[in-house]
Structures are given as structure tokens and as C-alpha cells.
C-alpha atoms as a PDB file:
ATOM      1  CA  UNK A   1     184.570  49.859  79.847  1.00  0.00           C
ATOM      2  CA  UNK A   2     188.011  51.282  79.020  1.00  0.00           C
ATOM      3  CA  UNK A   3     188.720  51.919  82.691  1.00  0.00           C
ATOM      4  CA  UNK A   4     187.702  48.368  83.629  1.00  0.00           C
ATOM      5  CA  UNK A   5     189.987  46.861  80.977  1.00  0.00           C
ATOM      6  CA  UNK A   6     192.820  49.192  81.987  1.00  0.00           C
ATOM      7  CA  UNK A   7     192.360  48.327  85.646  1.00  0.00           C
ATOM      8  CA  UNK A   8     192.363  44.582  84.954  1.00  0.00           C
ATOM      9  CA  UNK A   9     195.474  44.937  82.794  1.00  0.00           C
ATOM     10  CA  UNK A  10     197.146  46.978  85.534  1.00  0.00           C
ATOM     11  CA  UNK A  11     196.327  44.360  88.170  1.00  0.00           C
ATOM     12  CA  UNK A  12     197.698  41.537  86.011  1.00  0.00           C
ATOM     13  CA  UNK A  13     200.932  43.284  85.118  1.00  0.00           C
ATOM     14  CA  UNK A  14     201.505  44.561  88.643  1.00  0.00           C
ATOM     15  CA  UNK A  15     201.048  41.211  90.374  1.00  0.00           C
ATOM     16  CA  UNK A  16     203.252  39.536  87.772  1.00  0.00           C
ATOM     17  CA  UNK A  17     206.244  40.657  89.847  1.00  0.00           C
ATOM     18  CA  UNK A  18     205.114  38.637  92.869  1.00  0.00           C
ATOM     19  CA  UNK A  19     206.724  35.304  91.882  1.00  0.00           C
ATOM     20  CA  UNK A  20     210.112  36.959  91.270  1.00  0.00           C
ATOM     21  CA  UNK A  21     209.946  38.878  94.541  1.00  0.00           C
ATOM     22  CA  UNK A  22     208.953  35.739  96.421  1.00  0.00           C
ATOM     23  CA  UNK A  23     211.890  33.843  94.901  1.00  0.00           C
ATOM     24  CA  UNK A  24     214.326  36.651  95.675  1.00  0.00           C
ATOM     25  CA  UNK A  25     213.027  36.952  99.228  1.00  0.00           C
ATOM     26  CA  UNK A  26     213.223  33.201  99.777  1.00  0.00           C
ATOM     27  CA  UNK A  27     216.712  32.722  98.322  1.00  0.00           C
ATOM     28  CA  UNK A  28     218.084  36.136  99.230  1.00  0.00           C
ATOM     29  CA  UNK A  29     219.512  36.615  95.748  1.00  0.00           C
ATOM     30  CA  UNK A  30     218.663  37.438  92.146  1.00  0.00           C
ATOM     31  CA  UNK A  31     221.762  36.159  90.383  1.00  0.00           C
ATOM     32  CA  UNK A  32     219.810  34.516  87.578  1.00  0.00           C
ATOM     33  CA  UNK A  33     217.914  37.705  86.662  1.00  0.00           C
ATOM     34  CA  UNK A  34     219.174  40.082  83.990  1.00  0.00           C
ATOM     35  CA  UNK A  35     220.177  43.439  85.471  1.00  0.00           C
ATOM     36  CA  UNK A  36     220.011  45.128  82.058  1.00  0.00           C
ATOM     37  CA  UNK A  37     216.476  43.878  81.503  1.00  0.00           C
ATOM     38  CA  UNK A  38     215.308  45.095  84.902  1.00  0.00           C
ATOM     39  CA  UNK A  39     216.966  48.494  84.451  1.00  0.00           C
ATOM     40  CA  UNK A  40     215.320  48.894  81.052  1.00  0.00           C
ATOM     41  CA  UNK A  41     211.994  47.755  82.470  1.00  0.00           C
ATOM     42  CA  UNK A  42     212.359  50.240  85.330  1.00  0.00           C
ATOM     43  CA  UNK A  43     212.991  53.072  82.860  1.00  0.00           C
ATOM     44  CA  UNK A  44     209.941  52.028  80.846  1.00  0.00           C
ATOM     45  CA  UNK A  45     207.705  51.826  83.912  1.00  0.00           C
ATOM     46  CA  UNK A  46     208.939  55.231  85.101  1.00  0.00           C
ATOM     47  CA  UNK A  47     208.024  56.663  81.692  1.00  0.00           C
ATOM     48  CA  UNK A  48     204.562  55.117  82.029  1.00  0.00           C
ATOM     49  CA  UNK A  49     204.153  56.975  85.330  1.00  0.00           C
ATOM     50  CA  UNK A  50     205.114  60.245  83.621  1.00  0.00           C
ATOM     51  CA  UNK A  51     202.710  59.437  80.785  1.00  0.00           C
ATOM     52  CA  UNK A  52     199.962  58.764  83.324  1.00  0.00           C
ATOM     53  CA  UNK A  53     200.525  62.168  84.898  1.00  0.00           C
ATOM     54  CA  UNK A  54     200.477  63.847  81.494  1.00  0.00           C
ATOM     55  CA  UNK A  55     197.183  62.125  80.676  1.00  0.00           C
ATOM     56  CA  UNK A  56     195.765  62.533  84.157  1.00  0.00           C
ATOM     57  CA  UNK A  57     195.057  58.783  84.278  1.00  0.00           C
ATOM     58  CA  UNK A  58     195.105  57.498  87.851  1.00  0.00           C
ATOM     59  CA  UNK A  59     195.020  53.830  86.787  1.00  0.00           C
ATOM     60  CA  UNK A  60     198.269  54.254  84.858  1.00  0.00           C
ATOM     61  CA  UNK A  61     199.844  56.327  87.634  1.00  0.00           C
ATOM     62  CA  UNK A  62     198.932  54.009  90.516  1.00  0.00           C
ATOM     63  CA  UNK A  63     199.610  50.695  88.786  1.00  0.00           C
ATOM     64  CA  UNK A  64     202.977  51.754  87.449  1.00  0.00           C
ATOM     65  CA  UNK A  65     203.997  53.432  90.706  1.00  0.00           C
ATOM     66  CA  UNK A  66     203.301  50.158  92.507  1.00  0.00           C
ATOM     67  CA  UNK A  67     205.243  48.329  89.801  1.00  0.00           C
ATOM     68  CA  UNK A  68     208.202  50.670  90.365  1.00  0.00           C
ATOM     69  CA  UNK A  69     208.151  49.846  94.067  1.00  0.00           C
ATOM     70  CA  UNK A  70     208.071  46.118  93.330  1.00  0.00           C
ATOM     71  CA  UNK A  71     210.884  46.491  90.807  1.00  0.00           C
ATOM     72  CA  UNK A  72     212.898  48.341  93.445  1.00  0.00           C
ATOM     73  CA  UNK A  73     212.653  45.273  95.687  1.00  0.00           C
ATOM     74  CA  UNK A  74     213.904  43.009  92.899  1.00  0.00           C
ATOM     75  CA  UNK A  75     216.696  45.439  92.008  1.00  0.00           C
ATOM     76  CA  UNK A  76     217.716  45.598  95.666  1.00  0.00           C
ATOM     77  CA  UNK A  77     218.302  41.846  95.654  1.00  0.00           C
ATOM     78  CA  UNK A  78     220.127  42.112  92.330  1.00  0.00           C
ATOM     79  CA  UNK A  79     222.614  44.851  93.206  1.00  0.00           C
ATOM     80  CA  UNK A  80     223.167  44.481  96.948  1.00  0.00           C
ATOM     81  CA  UNK A  81     226.541  43.191  98.023  1.00  0.00           C
ATOM     82  CA  UNK A  82     226.509  39.486  98.740  1.00  0.00           C
ATOM     83  CA  UNK A  83     227.854  38.412 102.081  1.00  0.00           C
ATOM     84  CA  UNK A  84     230.524  35.753 102.049  1.00  0.00           C
ATOM     85  CA  UNK A  85     229.058  32.698 103.812  1.00  0.00           C
ATOM     86  CA  UNK A  86     232.535  31.720 105.052  1.00  0.00           C
ATOM     87  CA  UNK A  87     232.998  34.924 107.063  1.00  0.00           C
ATOM     88  CA  UNK A  88     229.548  34.949 108.637  1.00  0.00           C
END
């Protein structure tokens, strides 16, 4: 039962990034998102991956590794240089 609950929690938290990624992809920007919050969240998720390895828990490892990849997409939109629409 613990694994089922952990898996469901992992699915919910992992797919929670989808709306932000969709918005960033659609608009091409993430100006309204807090960089500090996403950097802190990325550090926390990375620590969860380490914790998962220390515990040997594949649910924690896989879910948080996927979350790191999704966060990387959001961070890409946040920190990439914006092109000037006038010079395009």
C-alpha cells in the first residue's frame, strides 16, 4: 500500500509541472515565474533524488528525476536570452 500511495503522489506532483510548461511553450517566456523559487525547488528535487538513491527507492528516484527534467524546461524559458522583436 505504501508503494501505491507513493506512486500516486509521485504522479500528481510530477504532472503538476505540465500547465507551467505548456504556458511557457505557448508564450515562449516565463517572465512571471519566480527564478528564486524554481532554483530552490530544483535544489530540493535534486536532494530528493539523492535521498531516493540512499534509500534505494525507485519511485522517489524516477519521479523526482522526471521532475528535474521538467523543471529544466521551465528554467530554460526563464533564463534564456530574450530576442528583441524589433530586430527579428
